[in-house]
Amino acid sequence: MLNQVLITIAAILGGTSVAAGAFGAHALGEKLSDRSLQIFETAARYQMYHALAILLVASLARSQPQPLLTASAFAFIAGIALFCGSLYALSLGGVKWLGAIAPIGGLAFMIGWGCLAIAAWQKG
């Protein structure tokens, strides 16, 4: 059941990443500064990378369930919410303090990758 949920979340996050990228390229290109557009595109790119990572983790957990894989997926989800979410908001709203949240999301991404590495090592 958890794998189905994670795959569904990954699919939704991947799809919304594509939508965000298209929105940024077509609707925001003339409305945002180059820097804000660059920040928005970074958020969309990292969202896609980590949607794919969640898909990978869910696939691995299907055949080799372990708590570290689950932790990895949830860390990636938290990273998307914090890192990408703060970058989207920063680029669209210009609220500067939101930039301070992005490193927490980056840390969540690193924790997710670390959990995945440890899980792989333990199963090897």
PDB file of N, CA and C in Angstrom:
ATOM      1  N   MET A   1       0.816  -1.199   0.000  1.00  0.00           N
ATOM      2  CA  MET A   1       0.000   0.000   0.000  1.00  0.00           C
ATOM      3  C   MET A   1       0.864   1.269   0.000  1.00  0.00           C
ATOM      4  N   LEU A   2       1.909   1.279   0.850  1.00  0.00           N
ATOM      5  CA  LEU A   2       2.783   2.454   0.908  1.00  0.00           C
ATOM      6  C   LEU A   2       3.446   2.691  -0.447  1.00  0.00           C
ATOM      7  N   ASN A   3       3.851   1.626  -1.130  1.00  0.00           N
ATOM      8  CA  ASN A   3       4.480   1.789  -2.442  1.00  0.00           C
ATOM      9  C   ASN A   3       3.527   2.429  -3.436  1.00  0.00           C
ATOM     10  N   GLN A   4       2.260   2.034  -3.399  1.00  0.00           N
ATOM     11  CA  GLN A   4       1.264   2.643  -4.287  1.00  0.00           C
ATOM     12  C   GLN A   4       1.147   4.134  -4.005  1.00  0.00           C
ATOM     13  N   VAL A   5       1.137   4.487  -2.731  1.00  0.00           N
ATOM     14  CA  VAL A   5       1.037   5.896  -2.340  1.00  0.00           C
ATOM     15  C   VAL A   5       2.260   6.654  -2.844  1.00  0.00           C
ATOM     16  N   LEU A   6       3.452   6.095  -2.632  1.00  0.00           N
ATOM     17  CA  LEU A   6       4.678   6.776  -3.059  1.00  0.00           C
ATOM     18  C   LEU A   6       4.749   6.924  -4.574  1.00  0.00           C
ATOM     19  N   ILE A   7       4.354   5.887  -5.299  1.00  0.00           N
ATOM     20  CA  ILE A   7       4.361   5.971  -6.765  1.00  0.00           C
ATOM     21  C   ILE A   7       3.351   7.020  -7.236  1.00  0.00           C
ATOM     22  N   THR A   8       2.199   7.085  -6.593  1.00  0.00           N
ATOM     23  CA  THR A   8       1.198   8.093  -6.933  1.00  0.00           C
ATOM     24  C   THR A   8       1.735   9.495  -6.655  1.00  0.00           C
ATOM     25  N   ILE A   9       2.352   9.682  -5.494  1.00  0.00           N
ATOM     26  CA  ILE A   9       2.935  10.979  -5.153  1.00  0.00           C
ATOM     27  C   ILE A   9       4.020  11.346  -6.163  1.00  0.00           C
ATOM     28  N   ALA A  10       4.874  10.385  -6.500  1.00  0.00           N
ATOM     29  CA  ALA A  10       5.940  10.646  -7.476  1.00  0.00           C
ATOM     30  C   ALA A  10       5.363  11.053  -8.827  1.00  0.00           C
ATOM     31  N   ALA A  11       4.310  10.377  -9.251  1.00  0.00           N
ATOM     32  CA  ALA A  11       3.687  10.711 -10.533  1.00  0.00           C
ATOM     33  C   ALA A  11       3.081  12.113 -10.510  1.00  0.00           C
ATOM     34  N   ILE A  12       2.425  12.450  -9.426  1.00  0.00           N
ATOM     35  CA  ILE A  12       1.827  13.786  -9.307  1.00  0.00           C
ATOM     36  C   ILE A  12       2.920  14.854  -9.284  1.00  0.00           C
ATOM     37  N   LEU A  13       3.972  14.611  -8.511  1.00  0.00           N
ATOM     38  CA  LEU A  13       5.067  15.581  -8.434  1.00  0.00           C
ATOM     39  C   LEU A  13       5.794  15.709  -9.771  1.00  0.00           C
ATOM     40  N   GLY A  14       5.974  14.600 -10.474  1.00  0.00           N
ATOM     41  CA  GLY A  14       6.593  14.654 -11.796  1.00  0.00           C
ATOM     42  C   GLY A  14       5.739  15.431 -12.785  1.00  0.00           C
ATOM     43  N   GLY A  15       4.448  15.156 -12.783  1.00  0.00           N
ATOM     44  CA  GLY A  15       3.536  15.863 -13.681  1.00  0.00           C
ATOM     45  C   GLY A  15       3.453  17.347 -13.379  1.00  0.00           C
ATOM     46  N   THR A  16       3.393  17.694 -12.107  1.00  0.00           N
ATOM     47  CA  THR A  16       3.328  19.118 -11.766  1.00  0.00           C
ATOM     48  C   THR A  16       4.665  19.813 -12.041  1.00  0.00           C
ATOM     49  N   SER A  17       5.753  19.066 -12.021  1.00  0.00           N
ATOM     50  CA  SER A  17       7.046  19.642 -12.390  1.00  0.00           C
ATOM     51  C   SER A  17       7.059  20.017 -13.870  1.00  0.00           C
ATOM     52  N   VAL A  18       6.532  19.148 -14.699  1.00  0.00           N
ATOM     53  CA  VAL A  18       6.433  19.450 -16.132  1.00  0.00           C
ATOM     54  C   VAL A  18       5.534  20.670 -16.342  1.00  0.00           C
ATOM     55  N   ALA A  19       4.411  20.697 -15.638  1.00  0.00           N
ATOM     56  CA  ALA A  19       3.499  21.836 -15.756  1.00  0.00           C
ATOM     57  C   ALA A  19       4.176  23.128 -15.291  1.00  0.00           C
ATOM     58  N   ALA A  20       4.915  23.059 -14.198  1.00  0.00           N
ATOM     59  CA  ALA A  20       5.615  24.242 -13.692  1.00  0.00           C
ATOM     60  C   ALA A  20       6.667  24.712 -14.693  1.00  0.00           C
ATOM     61  N   GLY A  21       7.397  23.770 -15.270  1.00  0.00           N
ATOM     62  CA  GLY A  21       8.399  24.139 -16.267  1.00  0.00           C
ATOM     63  C   GLY A  21       7.781  24.818 -17.469  1.00  0.00           C
ATOM     64  N   ALA A  22       6.674  24.279 -17.944  1.00  0.00           N
ATOM     65  CA  ALA A  22       5.981  24.883 -19.090  1.00  0.00           C
ATOM     66  C   ALA A  22       5.415  26.255 -18.720  1.00  0.00           C
ATOM     67  N   PHE A  23       4.844  26.344 -17.536  1.00  0.00           N
ATOM     68  CA  PHE A  23       4.299  27.621 -17.059  1.00  0.00           C
ATOM     69  C   PHE A  23       5.409  28.666 -16.966  1.00  0.00           C
ATOM     70  N   GLY A  24       6.547  28.252 -16.422  1.00  0.00           N
ATOM     71  CA  GLY A  24       7.673  29.171 -16.313  1.00  0.00           C
ATOM     72  C   GLY A  24       8.166  29.639 -17.667  1.00  0.00           C
ATOM     73  N   ALA A  25       8.275  28.710 -18.594  1.00  0.00           N
ATOM     74  CA  ALA A  25       8.813  29.048 -19.917  1.00  0.00           C
ATOM     75  C   ALA A  25       7.846  29.892 -20.751  1.00  0.00           C
ATOM     76  N   HIS A  26       6.547  29.608 -20.644  1.00  0.00           N
ATOM     77  CA  HIS A  26       5.591  30.251 -21.536  1.00  0.00           C
ATOM     78  C   HIS A  26       4.816  31.409 -20.907  1.00  0.00           C
ATOM     79  N   ALA A  27       4.444  31.264 -19.650  1.00  0.00           N
ATOM     80  CA  ALA A  27       3.608  32.303 -19.036  1.00  0.00           C
ATOM     81  C   ALA A  27       4.416  33.311 -18.224  1.00  0.00           C
ATOM     82  N   LEU A  28       5.545  32.875 -17.687  1.00  0.00           N
ATOM     83  CA  LEU A  28       6.294  33.759 -16.800  1.00  0.00           C
ATOM     84  C   LEU A  28       7.488  34.432 -17.464  1.00  0.00           C
ATOM     85  N   GLY A  29       7.855  33.984 -18.640  1.00  0.00           N
ATOM     86  CA  GLY A  29       9.052  34.480 -19.306  1.00  0.00           C
ATOM     87  C   GLY A  29       9.112  35.990 -19.436  1.00  0.00           C
ATOM     88  N   GLU A  30       7.992  36.606 -19.674  1.00  0.00           N
ATOM     89  CA  GLU A  30       7.938  38.065 -19.844  1.00  0.00           C
ATOM     90  C   GLU A  30       7.559  38.792 -18.558  1.00  0.00           C
ATOM     91  N   LYS A  31       7.128  38.041 -17.553  1.00  0.00           N
ATOM     92  CA  LYS A  31       6.621  38.669 -16.330  1.00  0.00           C
ATOM     93  C   LYS A  31       7.641  38.717 -15.198  1.00  0.00           C
ATOM     94  N   LEU A  32       8.603  37.800 -15.203  1.00  0.00           N
ATOM     95  CA  LEU A  32       9.594  37.733 -14.124  1.00  0.00           C
ATOM     96  C   LEU A  32      10.945  38.239 -14.604  1.00  0.00           C
ATOM     97  N   SER A  33      11.724  38.681 -13.658  1.00  0.00           N
ATOM     98  CA  SER A  33      13.108  39.037 -13.985  1.00  0.00           C
ATOM     99  C   SER A  33      13.853  37.763 -14.366  1.00  0.00           C
ATOM    100  N   ASP A  34      14.983  37.923 -15.008  1.00  0.00           N
ATOM    101  CA  ASP A  34      15.788  36.751 -15.380  1.00  0.00           C
ATOM    102  C   ASP A  34      16.158  35.939 -14.145  1.00  0.00           C
ATOM    103  N   ARG A  35      16.515  36.620 -13.064  1.00  0.00           N
ATOM    104  CA  ARG A  35      16.912  35.924 -11.826  1.00  0.00           C
ATOM    105  C   ARG A  35      15.733  35.153 -11.235  1.00  0.00           C
ATOM    106  N   SER A  36      14.559  35.772 -11.177  1.00  0.00           N
ATOM    107  CA  SER A  36      13.378  35.085 -10.641  1.00  0.00           C
ATOM    108  C   SER A  36      12.997  33.893 -11.504  1.00  0.00           C
ATOM    109  N   LEU A  37      13.115  34.043 -12.814  1.00  0.00           N
ATOM    110  CA  LEU A  37      12.816  32.933 -13.717  1.00  0.00           C
ATOM    111  C   LEU A  37      13.816  31.796 -13.521  1.00  0.00           C
ATOM    112  N   GLN A  38      15.063  32.140 -13.320  1.00  0.00           N
ATOM    113  CA  GLN A  38      16.090  31.133 -13.058  1.00  0.00           C
ATOM    114  C   GLN A  38      15.793  30.369 -11.762  1.00  0.00           C
ATOM    115  N   ILE A  39      15.371  31.080 -10.733  1.00  0.00           N
ATOM    116  CA  ILE A  39      15.003  30.446  -9.462  1.00  0.00           C
ATOM    117  C   ILE A  39      13.815  29.510  -9.663  1.00  0.00           C
ATOM    118  N   PHE A  40      12.815  29.960 -10.408  1.00  0.00           N
ATOM    119  CA  PHE A  40      11.634  29.145 -10.683  1.00  0.00           C
ATOM    120  C   PHE A  40      12.025  27.872 -11.430  1.00  0.00           C
ATOM    121  N   GLU A  41      12.869  28.005 -12.438  1.00  0.00           N
ATOM    122  CA  GLU A  41      13.313  26.844 -13.217  1.00  0.00           C
ATOM    123  C   GLU A  41      14.126  25.872 -12.367  1.00  0.00           C
ATOM    124  N   THR A  42      14.919  26.386 -11.440  1.00  0.00           N
ATOM    125  CA  THR A  42      15.668  25.514 -10.523  1.00  0.00           C
ATOM    126  C   THR A  42      14.701  24.694  -9.683  1.00  0.00           C
ATOM    127  N   ALA A  43      13.650  25.315  -9.196  1.00  0.00           N
ATOM    128  CA  ALA A  43      12.649  24.599  -8.400  1.00  0.00           C
ATOM    129  C   ALA A  43      12.000  23.482  -9.212  1.00  0.00           C
ATOM    130  N   ALA A  44      11.610  23.787 -10.445  1.00  0.00           N
ATOM    131  CA  ALA A  44      10.964  22.777 -11.293  1.00  0.00           C
ATOM    132  C   ALA A  44      11.913  21.624 -11.588  1.00  0.00           C
ATOM    133  N   ARG A  45      13.175  21.934 -11.840  1.00  0.00           N
ATOM    134  CA  ARG A  45      14.170  20.900 -12.143  1.00  0.00           C
ATOM    135  C   ARG A  45      14.398  19.990 -10.939  1.00  0.00           C
ATOM    136  N   TYR A  46      14.597  20.580  -9.771  1.00  0.00           N
ATOM    137  CA  TYR A  46      14.817  19.769  -8.575  1.00  0.00           C
ATOM    138  C   TYR A  46      13.579  18.972  -8.197  1.00  0.00           C
ATOM    139  N   GLN A  47      12.410  19.523  -8.452  1.00  0.00           N
ATOM    140  CA  GLN A  47      11.185  18.768  -8.209  1.00  0.00           C
ATOM    141  C   GLN A  47      11.156  17.515  -9.072  1.00  0.00           C
ATOM    142  N   MET A  48      11.513  17.642 -10.340  1.00  0.00           N
ATOM    143  CA  MET A  48      11.511  16.482 -11.228  1.00  0.00           C
ATOM    144  C   MET A  48      12.562  15.458 -10.805  1.00  0.00           C
ATOM    145  N   TYR A  49      13.775  15.929 -10.506  1.00  0.00           N
ATOM    146  CA  TYR A  49      14.820  14.998 -10.074  1.00  0.00           C
ATOM    147  C   TYR A  49      14.337  14.154  -8.907  1.00  0.00           C
ATOM    148  N   HIS A  50      13.700  14.811  -7.950  1.00  0.00           N
ATOM    149  CA  HIS A  50      13.330  14.095  -6.733  1.00  0.00           C
ATOM    150  C   HIS A  50      12.016  13.346  -6.867  1.00  0.00           C
ATOM    151  N   ALA A  51      11.162  13.728  -7.816  1.00  0.00           N
ATOM    152  CA  ALA A  51       9.997  12.893  -8.136  1.00  0.00           C
ATOM    153  C   ALA A  51      10.485  11.557  -8.697  1.00  0.00           C
ATOM    154  N   LEU A  52      11.490  11.623  -9.562  1.00  0.00           N
ATOM    155  CA  LEU A  52      12.072  10.389 -10.109  1.00  0.00           C
ATOM    156  C   LEU A  52      12.763   9.578  -9.012  1.00  0.00           C
ATOM    157  N   ALA A  53      13.403  10.269  -8.077  1.00  0.00           N
ATOM    158  CA  ALA A  53      14.054   9.571  -6.964  1.00  0.00           C
ATOM    159  C   ALA A  53      13.019   8.844  -6.100  1.00  0.00           C
ATOM    160  N   ILE A  54      11.883   9.479  -5.863  1.00  0.00           N
ATOM    161  CA  ILE A  54      10.816   8.825  -5.089  1.00  0.00           C
ATOM    162  C   ILE A  54      10.320   7.597  -5.832  1.00  0.00           C
ATOM    163  N   LEU A  55      10.183   7.696  -7.126  1.00  0.00           N
ATOM    164  CA  LEU A  55       9.767   6.560  -7.948  1.00  0.00           C
ATOM    165  C   LEU A  55      10.779   5.414  -7.831  1.00  0.00           C
ATOM    166  N   LEU A  56      12.054   5.739  -7.882  1.00  0.00           N
ATOM    167  CA  LEU A  56      13.109   4.739  -7.718  1.00  0.00           C
ATOM    168  C   LEU A  56      13.020   4.068  -6.357  1.00  0.00           C
ATOM    169  N   VAL A  57      12.890   4.872  -5.328  1.00  0.00           N
ATOM    170  CA  VAL A  57      12.831   4.333  -3.961  1.00  0.00           C
ATOM    171  C   VAL A  57      11.605   3.442  -3.798  1.00  0.00           C
ATOM    172  N   ALA A  58      10.466   3.870  -4.310  1.00  0.00           N
ATOM    173  CA  ALA A  58       9.254   3.057  -4.206  1.00  0.00           C
ATOM    174  C   ALA A  58       9.421   1.734  -4.940  1.00  0.00           C
ATOM    175  N   SER A  59      10.085   1.775  -6.089  1.00  0.00           N
ATOM    176  CA  SER A  59      10.328   0.543  -6.844  1.00  0.00           C
ATOM    177  C   SER A  59      11.261  -0.395  -6.080  1.00  0.00           C
ATOM    178  N   LEU A  60      12.296   0.156  -5.489  1.00  0.00           N
ATOM    179  CA  LEU A  60      13.210  -0.665  -4.690  1.00  0.00           C
ATOM    180  C   LEU A  60      12.500  -1.247  -3.469  1.00  0.00           C
ATOM    181  N   ALA A  61      11.672  -0.429  -2.834  1.00  0.00           N
ATOM    182  CA  ALA A  61      10.979  -0.873  -1.624  1.00  0.00           C
ATOM    183  C   ALA A  61       9.956  -1.962  -1.916  1.00  0.00           C
ATOM    184  N   ARG A  62       9.492  -2.012  -3.142  1.00  0.00           N
ATOM    185  CA  ARG A  62       8.541  -3.053  -3.517  1.00  0.00           C
ATOM    186  C   ARG A  62       9.166  -4.448  -3.394  1.00  0.00           C
ATOM    187  N   SER A  63      10.427  -4.567  -3.806  1.00  0.00           N
ATOM    188  CA  SER A  63      11.082  -5.878  -3.756  1.00  0.00           C
ATOM    189  C   SER A  63      11.907  -6.069  -2.488  1.00  0.00           C
ATOM    190  N   GLN A  64      12.351  -4.965  -1.886  1.00  0.00           N
ATOM    191  CA  GLN A  64      13.178  -5.051  -0.681  1.00  0.00           C
ATOM    192  C   GLN A  64      12.729  -4.010   0.339  1.00  0.00           C
ATOM    193  N   PRO A  65      11.564  -4.187   0.936  1.00  0.00           N
ATOM    194  CA  PRO A  65      11.087  -3.166   1.862  1.00  0.00           C
ATOM    195  C   PRO A  65      12.018  -3.019   3.067  1.00  0.00           C
ATOM    196  N   GLN A  66      12.312  -1.785   3.404  1.00  0.00           N
ATOM    197  CA  GLN A  66      13.083  -1.505   4.605  1.00  0.00           C
ATOM    198  C   GLN A  66      12.823  -0.067   5.042  1.00  0.00           C
ATOM    199  N   PRO A  67      12.919   0.176   6.335  1.00  0.00           N
ATOM    200  CA  PRO A  67      12.583   1.502   6.864  1.00  0.00           C
ATOM    201  C   PRO A  67      13.409   2.642   6.267  1.00  0.00           C
ATOM    202  N   LEU A  68      14.669   2.392   5.937  1.00  0.00           N
ATOM    203  CA  LEU A  68      15.489   3.469   5.379  1.00  0.00           C
ATOM    204  C   LEU A  68      15.001   3.913   4.007  1.00  0.00           C
ATOM    205  N   LEU A  69      14.434   3.009   3.243  1.00  0.00           N
ATOM    206  CA  LEU A  69      13.877   3.402   1.948  1.00  0.00           C
ATOM    207  C   LEU A  69      12.650   4.292   2.140  1.00  0.00           C
ATOM    208  N   THR A  70      11.828   3.933   3.111  1.00  0.00           N
ATOM    209  CA  THR A  70      10.667   4.764   3.414  1.00  0.00           C
ATOM    210  C   THR A  70      11.118   6.141   3.895  1.00  0.00           C
ATOM    211  N   ALA A  71      12.122   6.165   4.765  1.00  0.00           N
ATOM    212  CA  ALA A  71      12.657   7.442   5.256  1.00  0.00           C
ATOM    213  C   ALA A  71      13.211   8.277   4.105  1.00  0.00           C
ATOM    214  N   SER A  72      13.868   7.622   3.178  1.00  0.00           N
ATOM    215  CA  SER A  72      14.413   8.311   2.017  1.00  0.00           C
ATOM    216  C   SER A  72      13.303   8.982   1.217  1.00  0.00           C
ATOM    217  N   ALA A  73      12.239   8.250   0.929  1.00  0.00           N
ATOM    218  CA  ALA A  73      11.129   8.806   0.148  1.00  0.00           C
ATOM    219  C   ALA A  73      10.498   9.992   0.856  1.00  0.00           C
ATOM    220  N   PHE A  74      10.274   9.875   2.150  1.00  0.00           N
ATOM    221  CA  PHE A  74       9.652  10.977   2.880  1.00  0.00           C
ATOM    222  C   PHE A  74      10.586  12.175   2.994  1.00  0.00           C
ATOM    223  N   ALA A  75      11.887  11.937   3.073  1.00  0.00           N
ATOM    224  CA  ALA A  75      12.840  13.052   3.071  1.00  0.00           C
ATOM    225  C   ALA A  75      12.811  13.769   1.724  1.00  0.00           C
ATOM    226  N   PHE A  76      12.707  13.011   0.636  1.00  0.00           N
ATOM    227  CA  PHE A  76      12.596  13.636  -0.682  1.00  0.00           C
ATOM    228  C   PHE A  76      11.314  14.470  -0.787  1.00  0.00           C
ATOM    229  N   ILE A  77      10.217  13.954  -0.269  1.00  0.00           N
ATOM    230  CA  ILE A  77       8.950  14.695  -0.301  1.00  0.00           C
ATOM    231  C   ILE A  77       9.081  15.986   0.511  1.00  0.00           C
ATOM    232  N   ALA A  78       9.684  15.877   1.689  1.00  0.00           N
ATOM    233  CA  ALA A  78       9.895  17.075   2.517  1.00  0.00           C
ATOM    234  C   ALA A  78      10.802  18.069   1.799  1.00  0.00           C
ATOM    235  N   GLY A  79      11.834  17.562   1.138  1.00  0.00           N
ATOM    236  CA  GLY A  79      12.732  18.434   0.397  1.00  0.00           C
ATOM    237  C   GLY A  79      12.023  19.176  -0.721  1.00  0.00           C
ATOM    238  N   ILE A  80      11.158  18.475  -1.431  1.00  0.00           N
ATOM    239  CA  ILE A  80      10.396  19.131  -2.498  1.00  0.00           C
ATOM    240  C   ILE A  80       9.511  20.228  -1.911  1.00  0.00           C
ATOM    241  N   ALA A  81       8.824  19.901  -0.818  1.00  0.00           N
ATOM    242  CA  ALA A  81       7.933  20.895  -0.212  1.00  0.00           C
ATOM    243  C   ALA A  81       8.718  22.122   0.262  1.00  0.00           C
ATOM    244  N   LEU A  82       9.835  21.887   0.935  1.00  0.00           N
ATOM    245  CA  LEU A  82      10.586  22.997   1.528  1.00  0.00           C
ATOM    246  C   LEU A  82      11.479  23.714   0.524  1.00  0.00           C
ATOM    247  N   PHE A  83      12.290  22.954  -0.207  1.00  0.00           N
ATOM    248  CA  PHE A  83      13.235  23.570  -1.137  1.00  0.00           C
ATOM    249  C   PHE A  83      12.499  24.150  -2.336  1.00  0.00           C
ATOM    250  N   CYS A  84      11.786  23.286  -3.047  1.00  0.00           N
ATOM    251  CA  CYS A  84      11.108  23.743  -4.262  1.00  0.00           C
ATOM    252  C   CYS A  84       9.988  24.723  -3.929  1.00  0.00           C
ATOM    253  N   GLY A  85       9.223  24.405  -2.892  1.00  0.00           N
ATOM    254  CA  GLY A  85       8.135  25.292  -2.507  1.00  0.00           C
ATOM    255  C   GLY A  85       8.615  26.695  -2.170  1.00  0.00           C
ATOM    256  N   SER A  86       9.711  26.788  -1.410  1.00  0.00           N
ATOM    257  CA  SER A  86      10.223  28.115  -1.055  1.00  0.00           C
ATOM    258  C   SER A  86      10.780  28.837  -2.273  1.00  0.00           C
ATOM    259  N   LEU A  87      11.405  28.098  -3.208  1.00  0.00           N
ATOM    260  CA  LEU A  87      11.910  28.745  -4.416  1.00  0.00           C
ATOM    261  C   LEU A  87      10.784  29.225  -5.324  1.00  0.00           C
ATOM    262  N   TYR A  88       9.727  28.414  -5.446  1.00  0.00           N
ATOM    263  CA  TYR A  88       8.571  28.866  -6.234  1.00  0.00           C
ATOM    264  C   TYR A  88       8.006  30.152  -5.629  1.00  0.00           C
ATOM    265  N   ALA A  89       7.813  30.140  -4.325  1.00  0.00           N
ATOM    266  CA  ALA A  89       7.236  31.310  -3.654  1.00  0.00           C
ATOM    267  C   ALA A  89       8.168  32.515  -3.746  1.00  0.00           C
ATOM    268  N   LEU A  90       9.458  32.276  -3.584  1.00  0.00           N
ATOM    269  CA  LEU A  90      10.432  33.366  -3.674  1.00  0.00           C
ATOM    270  C   LEU A  90      10.405  34.002  -5.066  1.00  0.00           C
ATOM    271  N   SER A  91      10.389  33.167  -6.085  1.00  0.00           N
ATOM    272  CA  SER A  91      10.424  33.702  -7.453  1.00  0.00           C
ATOM    273  C   SER A  91       9.126  34.404  -7.829  1.00  0.00           C
ATOM    274  N   LEU A  92       8.007  33.888  -7.368  1.00  0.00           N
ATOM    275  CA  LEU A  92       6.717  34.467  -7.742  1.00  0.00           C
ATOM    276  C   LEU A  92       6.314  35.644  -6.865  1.00  0.00           C
ATOM    277  N   GLY A  93       6.649  35.553  -5.579  1.00  0.00           N
ATOM    278  CA  GLY A  93       6.201  36.583  -4.654  1.00  0.00           C
ATOM    279  C   GLY A  93       7.278  37.539  -4.209  1.00  0.00           C
ATOM    280  N   GLY A  94       8.521  37.182  -4.447  1.00  0.00           N
ATOM    281  CA  GLY A  94       9.620  38.054  -4.061  1.00  0.00           C
ATOM    282  C   GLY A  94       9.820  38.188  -2.566  1.00  0.00           C
ATOM    283  N   VAL A  95       9.244  37.297  -1.773  1.00  0.00           N
ATOM    284  CA  VAL A  95       9.402  37.348  -0.321  1.00  0.00           C
ATOM    285  C   VAL A  95      10.782  36.795   0.021  1.00  0.00           C
ATOM    286  N   LYS A  96      11.683  37.670   0.367  1.00  0.00           N
ATOM    287  CA  LYS A  96      13.095  37.304   0.517  1.00  0.00           C
ATOM    288  C   LYS A  96      13.349  36.294   1.629  1.00  0.00           C
ATOM    289  N   TRP A  97      12.604  36.358   2.725  1.00  0.00           N
ATOM    290  CA  TRP A  97      12.881  35.458   3.841  1.00  0.00           C
ATOM    291  C   TRP A  97      12.612  33.997   3.484  1.00  0.00           C
ATOM    292  N   LEU A  98      11.848  33.758   2.430  1.00  0.00           N
ATOM    293  CA  LEU A  98      11.594  32.380   2.008  1.00  0.00           C
ATOM    294  C   LEU A  98      12.873  31.693   1.540  1.00  0.00           C
ATOM    295  N   GLY A  99      13.844  32.486   1.098  1.00  0.00           N
ATOM    296  CA  GLY A  99      15.128  31.911   0.704  1.00  0.00           C
ATOM    297  C   GLY A  99      15.825  31.211   1.849  1.00  0.00           C
ATOM    298  N   ALA A 100      15.502  31.578   3.085  1.00  0.00           N
ATOM    299  CA  ALA A 100      16.107  30.943   4.254  1.00  0.00           C
ATOM    300  C   ALA A 100      15.559  29.533   4.492  1.00  0.00           C
ATOM    301  N   ILE A 101      14.418  29.207   3.914  1.00  0.00           N
ATOM    302  CA  ILE A 101      13.819  27.875   4.081  1.00  0.00           C
ATOM    303  C   ILE A 101      14.453  26.875   3.118  1.00  0.00           C
ATOM    304  N   ALA A 102      14.913  27.352   1.978  1.00  0.00           N
ATOM    305  CA  ALA A 102      15.470  26.470   0.954  1.00  0.00           C
ATOM    306  C   ALA A 102      16.588  25.570   1.479  1.00  0.00           C
ATOM    307  N   PRO A 103      17.533  26.055   2.290  1.00  0.00           N
ATOM    308  CA  PRO A 103      18.584  25.158   2.779  1.00  0.00           C
ATOM    309  C   PRO A 103      18.057  24.007   3.639  1.00  0.00           C
ATOM    310  N   ILE A 104      16.943  24.226   4.326  1.00  0.00           N
ATOM    311  CA  ILE A 104      16.349  23.134   5.116  1.00  0.00           C
ATOM    312  C   ILE A 104      15.842  22.053   4.161  1.00  0.00           C
ATOM    313  N   GLY A 105      15.236  22.481   3.066  1.00  0.00           N
ATOM    314  CA  GLY A 105      14.806  21.522   2.045  1.00  0.00           C
ATOM    315  C   GLY A 105      15.978  20.822   1.402  1.00  0.00           C
ATOM    316  N   GLY A 106      17.071  21.556   1.171  1.00  0.00           N
ATOM    317  CA  GLY A 106      18.286  20.937   0.635  1.00  0.00           C
ATOM    318  C   GLY A 106      18.836  19.887   1.575  1.00  0.00           C
ATOM    319  N   LEU A 107      18.785  20.182   2.871  1.00  0.00           N
ATOM    320  CA  LEU A 107      19.221  19.200   3.870  1.00  0.00           C
ATOM    321  C   LEU A 107      18.334  17.958   3.826  1.00  0.00           C
ATOM    322  N   ALA A 108      17.034  18.155   3.648  1.00  0.00           N
ATOM    323  CA  ALA A 108      16.121  17.016   3.525  1.00  0.00           C
ATOM    324  C   ALA A 108      16.488  16.161   2.310  1.00  0.00           C
ATOM    325  N   PHE A 109      16.836  16.820   1.190  1.00  0.00           N
ATOM    326  CA  PHE A 109      17.278  16.063   0.014  1.00  0.00           C
ATOM    327  C   PHE A 109      18.524  15.238   0.346  1.00  0.00           C
ATOM    328  N   MET A 110      19.483  15.843   1.011  1.00  0.00           N
ATOM    329  CA  MET A 110      20.716  15.125   1.355  1.00  0.00           C
ATOM    330  C   MET A 110      20.447  13.961   2.302  1.00  0.00           C
ATOM    331  N   ILE A 111      19.536  14.153   3.239  1.00  0.00           N
ATOM    332  CA  ILE A 111      19.156  13.064   4.141  1.00  0.00           C
ATOM    333  C   ILE A 111      18.526  11.924   3.338  1.00  0.00           C
ATOM    334  N   GLY A 112      17.663  12.272   2.392  1.00  0.00           N
ATOM    335  CA  GLY A 112      17.039  11.249   1.545  1.00  0.00           C
ATOM    336  C   GLY A 112      18.065  10.446   0.778  1.00  0.00           C
ATOM    337  N   TRP A 113      19.046  11.126   0.178  1.00  0.00           N
ATOM    338  CA  TRP A 113      20.083  10.424  -0.568  1.00  0.00           C
ATOM    339  C   TRP A 113      20.961   9.589   0.378  1.00  0.00           C
ATOM    340  N   GLY A 114      21.218  10.109   1.561  1.00  0.00           N
ATOM    341  CA  GLY A 114      21.998   9.350   2.540  1.00  0.00           C
ATOM    342  C   GLY A 114      21.278   8.088   2.980  1.00  0.00           C
ATOM    343  N   CYS A 115      19.983   8.211   3.258  1.00  0.00           N
ATOM    344  CA  CYS A 115      19.195   7.021   3.632  1.00  0.00           C
ATOM    345  C   CYS A 115      19.188   5.998   2.515  1.00  0.00           C
ATOM    346  N   LEU A 116      19.077   6.462   1.282  1.00  0.00           N
ATOM    347  CA  LEU A 116      19.094   5.551   0.147  1.00  0.00           C
ATOM    348  C   LEU A 116      20.452   4.846   0.036  1.00  0.00           C
ATOM    349  N   ALA A 117      21.529   5.576   0.237  1.00  0.00           N
ATOM    350  CA  ALA A 117      22.872   4.976   0.176  1.00  0.00           C
ATOM    351  C   ALA A 117      23.062   3.932   1.262  1.00  0.00           C
ATOM    352  N   ILE A 118      22.630   4.247   2.470  1.00  0.00           N
ATOM    353  CA  ILE A 118      22.785   3.295   3.578  1.00  0.00           C
ATOM    354  C   ILE A 118      21.927   2.063   3.328  1.00  0.00           C
ATOM    355  N   ALA A 119      20.692   2.273   2.849  1.00  0.00           N
ATOM    356  CA  ALA A 119      19.819   1.135   2.541  1.00  0.00           C
ATOM    357  C   ALA A 119      20.441   0.222   1.494  1.00  0.00           C
ATOM    358  N   ALA A 120      21.044   0.822   0.478  1.00  0.00           N
ATOM    359  CA  ALA A 120      21.700   0.027  -0.572  1.00  0.00           C
ATOM    360  C   ALA A 120      22.891  -0.737  -0.014  1.00  0.00           C
ATOM    361  N   TRP A 121      23.657  -0.100   0.834  1.00  0.00           N
ATOM    362  CA  TRP A 121      24.825  -0.745   1.425  1.00  0.00           C
ATOM    363  C   TRP A 121      24.429  -1.902   2.325  1.00  0.00           C
ATOM    364  N   GLN A 122      23.376  -1.724   3.102  1.00  0.00           N
ATOM    365  CA  GLN A 122      22.921  -2.769   4.021  1.00  0.00           C
ATOM    366  C   GLN A 122      22.383  -3.990   3.277  1.00  0.00           C
ATOM    367  N   LYS A 123      21.804  -3.782   2.104  1.00  0.00           N
ATOM    368  CA  LYS A 123      21.255  -4.907   1.347  1.00  0.00           C
ATOM    369  C   LYS A 123      22.314  -5.595   0.495  1.00  0.00           C
ATOM    370  N   GLY A 124      23.493  -4.966   0.345  1.00  0.00           N
ATOM    371  CA  GLY A 124      24.532  -5.510  -0.519  1.00  0.00           C
ATOM    372  C   GLY A 124      25.222  -6.667   0.010  1.00  0.00           C
TER     373      GLY A 124
END
